[in-house]
Each structure stands twice: as C-alpha cells, then as structure tokens.
Amino acid sequence: MKTTIDLPEEILHRAKIVAAQRKTSLKDLVIQGLNYATLHDPGTEEAQRRDRARRLLQVLSKSTNTSSVGRLNRSELHERHPED
C-alpha cells in the first residue's frame, strides 16, 4: 500500500545515510522501524530496564570492598589476578 508522509529534512537525510550504510532501501528501513515501534511495548521495556538496574545496584551494594584504591593507571586497571 502506498502512503505519503512528510518528514523533517534532517531526519530524512540521516535515514538515507543509515539505509545506505546498511545496504538497504529507505522503504525497508522505515518498515523495520515501524515493525519495531509497533511490536515493542516501551512500558514493558522500561520496567525491565529498571529491574535490571535495581538488581545491579543490589549486587554492587553487597560488595565488601568499601575502601578507596586511589587513582590507577591503565596497566593497573587491566592487571589480571588469578582467583584465590
């Protein structure tokens, strides 16, 4: 089915660039976007994101290391230690 929509120039320009980068058509890009928007419930996704963040904060708050280690350089940050 054909339809006509008016898009802001900036969005259309970015969409054309993304379509070209993905080696797809603007039509297919719009279809993908509309499929995503109509099949995903933002309320549910937001609730899942908040739940993950809450669980992460719970895990982090149980950490026993509460003393500061000070500033670390790159090699110290990536230093590997065998598990005890």
PDB file of N, CA and C in Angstrom:
ATOM      1  N   MET A   1       0.846  -1.173   0.000  1.00  0.00           N
ATOM      2  CA  MET A   1       0.000   0.000   0.000  1.00  0.00           C
ATOM      3  C   MET A   1       0.894   1.240   0.000  1.00  0.00           C
ATOM      4  N   LYS A   2       0.556   2.183  -0.804  1.00  0.00           N
ATOM      5  CA  LYS A   2       1.329   3.424  -0.871  1.00  0.00           C
ATOM      6  C   LYS A   2       0.743   4.452   0.084  1.00  0.00           C
ATOM      7  N   THR A   3       1.639   5.218   0.678  1.00  0.00           N
ATOM      8  CA  THR A   3       1.210   6.315   1.537  1.00  0.00           C
ATOM      9  C   THR A   3       2.246   7.428   1.430  1.00  0.00           C
ATOM     10  N   THR A   4       1.861   8.617   1.811  1.00  0.00           N
ATOM     11  CA  THR A   4       2.759   9.768   1.766  1.00  0.00           C
ATOM     12  C   THR A   4       2.886  10.326   3.174  1.00  0.00           C
ATOM     13  N   ILE A   5       4.126  10.556   3.595  1.00  0.00           N
ATOM     14  CA  ILE A   5       4.356  11.198   4.889  1.00  0.00           C
ATOM     15  C   ILE A   5       5.354  12.329   4.706  1.00  0.00           C
ATOM     16  N   ASP A   6       5.207  13.358   5.503  1.00  0.00           N
ATOM     17  CA  ASP A   6       6.144  14.481   5.494  1.00  0.00           C
ATOM     18  C   ASP A   6       7.135  14.281   6.636  1.00  0.00           C
ATOM     19  N   LEU A   7       8.407  14.275   6.296  1.00  0.00           N
ATOM     20  CA  LEU A   7       9.462  14.102   7.289  1.00  0.00           C
ATOM     21  C   LEU A   7      10.327  15.348   7.344  1.00  0.00           C
ATOM     22  N   PRO A   8      10.829  15.681   8.512  1.00  0.00           N
ATOM     23  CA  PRO A   8      11.797  16.774   8.583  1.00  0.00           C
ATOM     24  C   PRO A   8      13.028  16.417   7.752  1.00  0.00           C
ATOM     25  N   GLU A   9      13.587  17.389   7.060  1.00  0.00           N
ATOM     26  CA  GLU A   9      14.728  17.166   6.169  1.00  0.00           C
ATOM     27  C   GLU A   9      15.884  16.469   6.874  1.00  0.00           C
ATOM     28  N   GLU A  10      16.188  16.883   8.102  1.00  0.00           N
ATOM     29  CA  GLU A  10      17.316  16.316   8.837  1.00  0.00           C
ATOM     30  C   GLU A  10      17.114  14.825   9.091  1.00  0.00           C
ATOM     31  N   ILE A  11      15.905  14.434   9.474  1.00  0.00           N
ATOM     32  CA  ILE A  11      15.624  13.013   9.736  1.00  0.00           C
ATOM     33  C   ILE A  11      15.704  12.218   8.435  1.00  0.00           C
ATOM     34  N   LEU A  12      15.150  12.753   7.371  1.00  0.00           N
ATOM     35  CA  LEU A  12      15.197  12.068   6.084  1.00  0.00           C
ATOM     36  C   LEU A  12      16.642  11.887   5.630  1.00  0.00           C
ATOM     37  N   HIS A  13      17.450  12.909   5.793  1.00  0.00           N
ATOM     38  CA  HIS A  13      18.856  12.840   5.408  1.00  0.00           C
ATOM     39  C   HIS A  13      19.583  11.745   6.200  1.00  0.00           C
ATOM     40  N   ARG A  14      19.382  11.740   7.538  1.00  0.00           N
ATOM     41  CA  ARG A  14      20.025  10.714   8.378  1.00  0.00           C
ATOM     42  C   ARG A  14      19.525   9.322   8.009  1.00  0.00           C
ATOM     43  N   ALA A  15      18.235   9.192   7.735  1.00  0.00           N
ATOM     44  CA  ALA A  15      17.666   7.885   7.375  1.00  0.00           C
ATOM     45  C   ALA A  15      18.267   7.369   6.072  1.00  0.00           C
ATOM     46  N   LYS A  16      18.460   8.249   5.109  1.00  0.00           N
ATOM     47  CA  LYS A  16      19.061   7.832   3.837  1.00  0.00           C
ATOM     48  C   LYS A  16      20.498   7.356   4.043  1.00  0.00           C
ATOM     49  N   ILE A  17      21.221   8.037   4.918  1.00  0.00           N
ATOM     50  CA  ILE A  17      22.598   7.643   5.215  1.00  0.00           C
ATOM     51  C   ILE A  17      22.615   6.268   5.881  1.00  0.00           C
ATOM     52  N   VAL A  18      21.742   6.072   6.871  1.00  0.00           N
ATOM     53  CA  VAL A  18      21.686   4.782   7.572  1.00  0.00           C
ATOM     54  C   VAL A  18      21.300   3.673   6.606  1.00  0.00           C
ATOM     55  N   ALA A  19      20.329   3.931   5.744  1.00  0.00           N
ATOM     56  CA  ALA A  19      19.907   2.923   4.769  1.00  0.00           C
ATOM     57  C   ALA A  19      21.072   2.549   3.849  1.00  0.00           C
ATOM     58  N   ALA A  20      21.809   3.536   3.406  1.00  0.00           N
ATOM     59  CA  ALA A  20      22.958   3.261   2.527  1.00  0.00           C
ATOM     60  C   ALA A  20      24.035   2.473   3.272  1.00  0.00           C
ATOM     61  N   GLN A  21      24.300   2.833   4.528  1.00  0.00           N
ATOM     62  CA  GLN A  21      25.302   2.122   5.319  1.00  0.00           C
ATOM     63  C   GLN A  21      24.905   0.667   5.534  1.00  0.00           C
ATOM     64  N   ARG A  22      23.614   0.426   5.681  1.00  0.00           N
ATOM     65  CA  ARG A  22      23.120  -0.941   5.899  1.00  0.00           C
ATOM     66  C   ARG A  22      22.829  -1.680   4.596  1.00  0.00           C
ATOM     67  N   LYS A  23      23.103  -0.999   3.499  1.00  0.00           N
ATOM     68  CA  LYS A  23      22.861  -1.573   2.165  1.00  0.00           C
ATOM     69  C   LYS A  23      21.414  -2.057   2.024  1.00  0.00           C
ATOM     70  N   THR A  24      20.508  -1.183   2.400  1.00  0.00           N
ATOM     71  CA  THR A  24      19.087  -1.468   2.289  1.00  0.00           C
ATOM     72  C   THR A  24      18.388  -0.240   1.729  1.00  0.00           C
ATOM     73  N   SER A  25      17.126  -0.359   1.460  1.00  0.00           N
ATOM     74  CA  SER A  25      16.382   0.783   0.919  1.00  0.00           C
ATOM     75  C   SER A  25      15.772   1.596   2.051  1.00  0.00           C
ATOM     76  N   LEU A  26      15.426   2.824   1.745  1.00  0.00           N
ATOM     77  CA  LEU A  26      14.748   3.679   2.711  1.00  0.00           C
ATOM     78  C   LEU A  26      13.411   3.042   3.104  1.00  0.00           C
ATOM     79  N   LYS A  27      12.732   2.453   2.129  1.00  0.00           N
ATOM     80  CA  LYS A  27      11.460   1.783   2.394  1.00  0.00           C
ATOM     81  C   LYS A  27      11.644   0.674   3.428  1.00  0.00           C
ATOM     82  N   ASP A  28      12.660  -0.180   3.235  1.00  0.00           N
ATOM     83  CA  ASP A  28      12.890  -1.271   4.182  1.00  0.00           C
ATOM     84  C   ASP A  28      13.278  -0.754   5.565  1.00  0.00           C
ATOM     85  N   LEU A  29      14.039   0.326   5.599  1.00  0.00           N
ATOM     86  CA  LEU A  29      14.414   0.917   6.878  1.00  0.00           C
ATOM     87  C   LEU A  29      13.173   1.420   7.621  1.00  0.00           C
ATOM     88  N   VAL A  30      12.276   2.071   6.912  1.00  0.00           N
ATOM     89  CA  VAL A  30      11.030   2.561   7.519  1.00  0.00           C
ATOM     90  C   VAL A  30      10.190   1.385   8.005  1.00  0.00           C
ATOM     91  N   ILE A  31      10.102   0.326   7.215  1.00  0.00           N
ATOM     92  CA  ILE A  31       9.339  -0.860   7.618  1.00  0.00           C
ATOM     93  C   ILE A  31       9.930  -1.461   8.888  1.00  0.00           C
ATOM     94  N   GLN A  32      11.260  -1.567   8.952  1.00  0.00           N
ATOM     95  CA  GLN A  32      11.907  -2.107  10.151  1.00  0.00           C
ATOM     96  C   GLN A  32      11.584  -1.245  11.374  1.00  0.00           C
ATOM     97  N   GLY A  33      11.668   0.063  11.201  1.00  0.00           N
ATOM     98  CA  GLY A  33      11.385   0.970  12.310  1.00  0.00           C
ATOM     99  C   GLY A  33       9.947   0.881  12.777  1.00  0.00           C
ATOM    100  N   LEU A  34       9.027   0.811  11.840  1.00  0.00           N
ATOM    101  CA  LEU A  34       7.616   0.704  12.208  1.00  0.00           C
ATOM    102  C   LEU A  34       7.312  -0.640  12.855  1.00  0.00           C
ATOM    103  N   ASN A  35       7.931  -1.700  12.357  1.00  0.00           N
ATOM    104  CA  ASN A  35       7.761  -3.014  12.988  1.00  0.00           C
ATOM    105  C   ASN A  35       8.239  -2.972  14.433  1.00  0.00           C
ATOM    106  N   TYR A  36       9.410  -2.411  14.642  1.00  0.00           N
ATOM    107  CA  TYR A  36       9.948  -2.326  15.999  1.00  0.00           C
ATOM    108  C   TYR A  36       9.023  -1.507  16.895  1.00  0.00           C
ATOM    109  N   ALA A  37       8.599  -0.345  16.404  1.00  0.00           N
ATOM    110  CA  ALA A  37       7.775   0.555  17.210  1.00  0.00           C
ATOM    111  C   ALA A  37       6.422  -0.053  17.548  1.00  0.00           C
ATOM    112  N   THR A  38       5.885  -0.866  16.658  1.00  0.00           N
ATOM    113  CA  THR A  38       4.553  -1.420  16.900  1.00  0.00           C
ATOM    114  C   THR A  38       4.576  -2.746  17.647  1.00  0.00           C
ATOM    115  N   LEU A  39       5.724  -3.409  17.709  1.00  0.00           N
ATOM    116  CA  LEU A  39       5.795  -4.708  18.372  1.00  0.00           C
ATOM    117  C   LEU A  39       6.408  -4.645  19.768  1.00  0.00           C
ATOM    118  N   HIS A  40       7.053  -3.548  20.125  1.00  0.00           N
ATOM    119  CA  HIS A  40       7.708  -3.429  21.426  1.00  0.00           C
ATOM    120  C   HIS A  40       6.941  -2.453  22.304  1.00  0.00           C
ATOM    121  N   ASP A  41       6.603  -2.917  23.485  1.00  0.00           N
ATOM    122  CA  ASP A  41       5.893  -2.078  24.446  1.00  0.00           C
ATOM    123  C   ASP A  41       6.918  -1.295  25.263  1.00  0.00           C
ATOM    124  N   PRO A  42       6.979   0.020  25.074  1.00  0.00           N
ATOM    125  CA  PRO A  42       8.003   0.798  25.791  1.00  0.00           C
ATOM    126  C   PRO A  42       7.830   0.726  27.302  1.00  0.00           C
ATOM    127  N   GLY A  43       6.613   0.581  27.790  1.00  0.00           N
ATOM    128  CA  GLY A  43       6.400   0.471  29.230  1.00  0.00           C
ATOM    129  C   GLY A  43       7.035  -0.783  29.782  1.00  0.00           C
ATOM    130  N   THR A  44       6.883  -1.889  29.072  1.00  0.00           N
ATOM    131  CA  THR A  44       7.466  -3.154  29.500  1.00  0.00           C
ATOM    132  C   THR A  44       8.984  -3.092  29.444  1.00  0.00           C
ATOM    133  N   GLU A  45       9.526  -2.540  28.361  1.00  0.00           N
ATOM    134  CA  GLU A  45      10.981  -2.436  28.238  1.00  0.00           C
ATOM    135  C   GLU A  45      11.558  -1.528  29.317  1.00  0.00           C
ATOM    136  N   GLU A  46      10.866  -0.455  29.628  1.00  0.00           N
ATOM    137  CA  GLU A  46      11.336   0.458  30.680  1.00  0.00           C
ATOM    138  C   GLU A  46      11.305  -0.246  32.032  1.00  0.00           C
ATOM    139  N   ALA A  47      10.271  -1.019  32.299  1.00  0.00           N
ATOM    140  CA  ALA A  47      10.183  -1.762  33.560  1.00  0.00           C
ATOM    141  C   ALA A  47      11.310  -2.788  33.650  1.00  0.00           C
ATOM    142  N   GLN A  48      11.617  -3.464  32.545  1.00  0.00           N
ATOM    143  CA  GLN A  48      12.709  -4.434  32.539  1.00  0.00           C
ATOM    144  C   GLN A  48      14.051  -3.744  32.781  1.00  0.00           C
ATOM    145  N   ARG A  49      14.243  -2.575  32.168  1.00  0.00           N
ATOM    146  CA  ARG A  49      15.488  -1.827  32.354  1.00  0.00           C
ATOM    147  C   ARG A  49      15.641  -1.403  33.818  1.00  0.00           C
ATOM    148  N   ARG A  50      14.565  -0.931  34.417  1.00  0.00           N
ATOM    149  CA  ARG A  50      14.621  -0.522  35.824  1.00  0.00           C
ATOM    150  C   ARG A  50      14.898  -1.708  36.736  1.00  0.00           C
ATOM    151  N   ASP A  51      14.287  -2.859  36.420  1.00  0.00           N
ATOM    152  CA  ASP A  51      14.510  -4.053  37.224  1.00  0.00           C
ATOM    153  C   ASP A  51      15.973  -4.490  37.149  1.00  0.00           C
ATOM    154  N   ARG A  52      16.556  -4.471  35.940  1.00  0.00           N
ATOM    155  CA  ARG A  52      17.973  -4.828  35.789  1.00  0.00           C
ATOM    156  C   ARG A  52      18.851  -3.859  36.580  1.00  0.00           C
ATOM    157  N   ALA A  53      18.547  -2.574  36.514  1.00  0.00           N
ATOM    158  CA  ALA A  53      19.332  -1.572  37.241  1.00  0.00           C
ATOM    159  C   ALA A  53      19.200  -1.780  38.750  1.00  0.00           C
ATOM    160  N   ARG A  54      17.989  -2.076  39.226  1.00  0.00           N
ATOM    161  CA  ARG A  54      17.774  -2.319  40.649  1.00  0.00           C
ATOM    162  C   ARG A  54      18.574  -3.528  41.119  1.00  0.00           C
ATOM    163  N   ARG A  55      18.543  -4.622  40.331  1.00  0.00           N
ATOM    164  CA  ARG A  55      19.289  -5.821  40.708  1.00  0.00           C
ATOM    165  C   ARG A  55      20.798  -5.552  40.700  1.00  0.00           C
ATOM    166  N   LEU A  56      21.264  -4.798  39.725  1.00  0.00           N
ATOM    167  CA  LEU A  56      22.690  -4.455  39.667  1.00  0.00           C
ATOM    168  C   LEU A  56      23.098  -3.651  40.895  1.00  0.00           C
ATOM    169  N   LEU A  57      22.290  -2.681  41.271  1.00  0.00           N
ATOM    170  CA  LEU A  57      22.604  -1.875  42.454  1.00  0.00           C
ATOM    171  C   LEU A  57      22.594  -2.720  43.717  1.00  0.00           C
ATOM    172  N   GLN A  58      21.692  -3.699  43.796  1.00  0.00           N
ATOM    173  CA  GLN A  58      21.676  -4.596  44.959  1.00  0.00           C
ATOM    174  C   GLN A  58      22.972  -5.387  45.041  1.00  0.00           C
ATOM    175  N   VAL A  59      23.419  -5.920  43.917  1.00  0.00           N
ATOM    176  CA  VAL A  59      24.657  -6.695  43.897  1.00  0.00           C
ATOM    177  C   VAL A  59      25.842  -5.812  44.270  1.00  0.00           C
ATOM    178  N   LEU A  60      25.886  -4.624  43.685  1.00  0.00           N
ATOM    179  CA  LEU A  60      27.003  -3.726  43.972  1.00  0.00           C
ATOM    180  C   LEU A  60      27.013  -3.274  45.433  1.00  0.00           C
ATOM    181  N   SER A  61      25.841  -3.100  46.022  1.00  0.00           N
ATOM    182  CA  SER A  61      25.786  -2.640  47.412  1.00  0.00           C
ATOM    183  C   SER A  61      26.231  -3.720  48.385  1.00  0.00           C
ATOM    184  N   LYS A  62      26.240  -4.984  47.959  1.00  0.00           N
ATOM    185  CA  LYS A  62      26.684  -6.086  48.816  1.00  0.00           C
ATOM    186  C   LYS A  62      28.203  -6.260  48.787  1.00  0.00           C
ATOM    187  N   SER A  63      28.866  -5.460  47.988  1.00  0.00           N
ATOM    188  CA  SER A  63      30.317  -5.561  47.870  1.00  0.00           C
ATOM    189  C   SER A  63      30.970  -5.279  49.213  1.00  0.00           C
ATOM    190  N   THR A  64      32.002  -6.048  49.540  1.00  0.00           N
ATOM    191  CA  THR A  64      32.683  -5.868  50.824  1.00  0.00           C
ATOM    192  C   THR A  64      33.849  -4.891  50.741  1.00  0.00           C
ATOM    193  N   ASN A  65      34.247  -4.510  49.544  1.00  0.00           N
ATOM    194  CA  ASN A  65      35.373  -3.601  49.380  1.00  0.00           C
ATOM    195  C   ASN A  65      34.847  -2.171  49.435  1.00  0.00           C
ATOM    196  N   THR A  66      34.995  -1.544  50.593  1.00  0.00           N
ATOM    197  CA  THR A  66      34.491  -0.178  50.743  1.00  0.00           C
ATOM    198  C   THR A  66      35.611   0.846  50.849  1.00  0.00           C
ATOM    199  N   SER A  67      36.866   0.393  50.838  1.00  0.00           N
ATOM    200  CA  SER A  67      37.976   1.341  50.931  1.00  0.00           C
ATOM    201  C   SER A  67      38.411   1.769  49.533  1.00  0.00           C
ATOM    202  N   SER A  68      38.813   3.004  49.429  1.00  0.00           N
ATOM    203  CA  SER A  68      39.243   3.559  48.153  1.00  0.00           C
ATOM    204  C   SER A  68      40.588   2.965  47.747  1.00  0.00           C
ATOM    205  N   VAL A  69      40.746   2.699  46.465  1.00  0.00           N
ATOM    206  CA  VAL A  69      42.026   2.191  45.973  1.00  0.00           C
ATOM    207  C   VAL A  69      42.882   3.314  45.401  1.00  0.00           C
ATOM    208  N   GLY A  70      42.350   4.495  45.337  1.00  0.00           N
ATOM    209  CA  GLY A  70      43.095   5.616  44.785  1.00  0.00           C
ATOM    210  C   GLY A  70      43.090   5.588  43.267  1.00  0.00           C
ATOM    211  N   ARG A  71      43.878   6.460  42.681  1.00  0.00           N
ATOM    212  CA  ARG A  71      43.938   6.522  41.221  1.00  0.00           C
ATOM    213  C   ARG A  71      44.788   5.379  40.682  1.00  0.00           C
ATOM    214  N   LEU A  72      44.299   4.743  39.625  1.00  0.00           N
ATOM    215  CA  LEU A  72      45.031   3.650  38.998  1.00  0.00           C
ATOM    216  C   LEU A  72      45.395   4.038  37.576  1.00  0.00           C
ATOM    217  N   ASN A  73      46.559   3.573  37.120  1.00  0.00           N
ATOM    218  CA  ASN A  73      46.908   3.820  35.728  1.00  0.00           C
ATOM    219  C   ASN A  73      46.328   2.707  34.860  1.00  0.00           C
ATOM    220  N   ARG A  74      46.496   2.816  33.576  1.00  0.00           N
ATOM    221  CA  ARG A  74      45.896   1.862  32.637  1.00  0.00           C
ATOM    222  C   ARG A  74      46.338   0.427  32.895  1.00  0.00           C
ATOM    223  N   SER A  75      47.627   0.217  33.107  1.00  0.00           N
ATOM    224  CA  SER A  75      48.118  -1.150  33.317  1.00  0.00           C
ATOM    225  C   SER A  75      47.582  -1.730  34.624  1.00  0.00           C
ATOM    226  N   GLU A  76      47.430  -0.906  35.648  1.00  0.00           N
ATOM    227  CA  GLU A  76      46.875  -1.401  36.910  1.00  0.00           C
ATOM    228  C   GLU A  76      45.393  -1.754  36.770  1.00  0.00           C
ATOM    229  N   LEU A  77      44.672  -0.974  35.977  1.00  0.00           N
ATOM    230  CA  LEU A  77      43.250  -1.256  35.765  1.00  0.00           C
ATOM    231  C   LEU A  77      43.036  -2.580  35.063  1.00  0.00           C
ATOM    232  N   HIS A  78      43.940  -2.933  34.171  1.00  0.00           N
ATOM    233  CA  HIS A  78      43.780  -4.129  33.373  1.00  0.00           C
ATOM    234  C   HIS A  78      44.617  -5.306  33.866  1.00  0.00           C
ATOM    235  N   GLU A  79      45.231  -5.147  35.024  1.00  0.00           N
ATOM    236  CA  GLU A  79      46.049  -6.200  35.592  1.00  0.00           C
ATOM    237  C   GLU A  79      45.177  -7.400  35.950  1.00  0.00           C
ATOM    238  N   ARG A  80      45.612  -8.567  35.588  1.00  0.00           N
ATOM    239  CA  ARG A  80      44.848  -9.786  35.833  1.00  0.00           C
ATOM    240  C   ARG A  80      45.415 -10.500  37.054  1.00  0.00           C
ATOM    241  N   HIS A  81      44.542 -10.938  37.932  1.00  0.00           N
ATOM    242  CA  HIS A  81      44.937 -11.693  39.106  1.00  0.00           C
ATOM    243  C   HIS A  81      44.222 -13.038  39.083  1.00  0.00           C
ATOM    244  N   PRO A  82      44.958 -14.133  39.330  1.00  0.00           N
ATOM    245  CA  PRO A  82      44.270 -15.428  39.412  1.00  0.00           C
ATOM    246  C   PRO A  82      43.333 -15.429  40.614  1.00  0.00           C
ATOM    247  N   GLU A  83      42.211 -16.105  40.473  1.00  0.00           N
ATOM    248  CA  GLU A  83      41.247 -16.192  41.580  1.00  0.00           C
ATOM    249  C   GLU A  83      41.851 -17.004  42.702  1.00  0.00           C
ATOM    250  N   ASP A  84      41.670 -16.556  43.942  1.00  0.00           N
ATOM    251  CA  ASP A  84      42.188 -17.290  45.108  1.00  0.00           C
ATOM    252  C   ASP A  84      41.276 -18.437  45.446  1.00  0.00           C
TER     253      ASP A  84
END
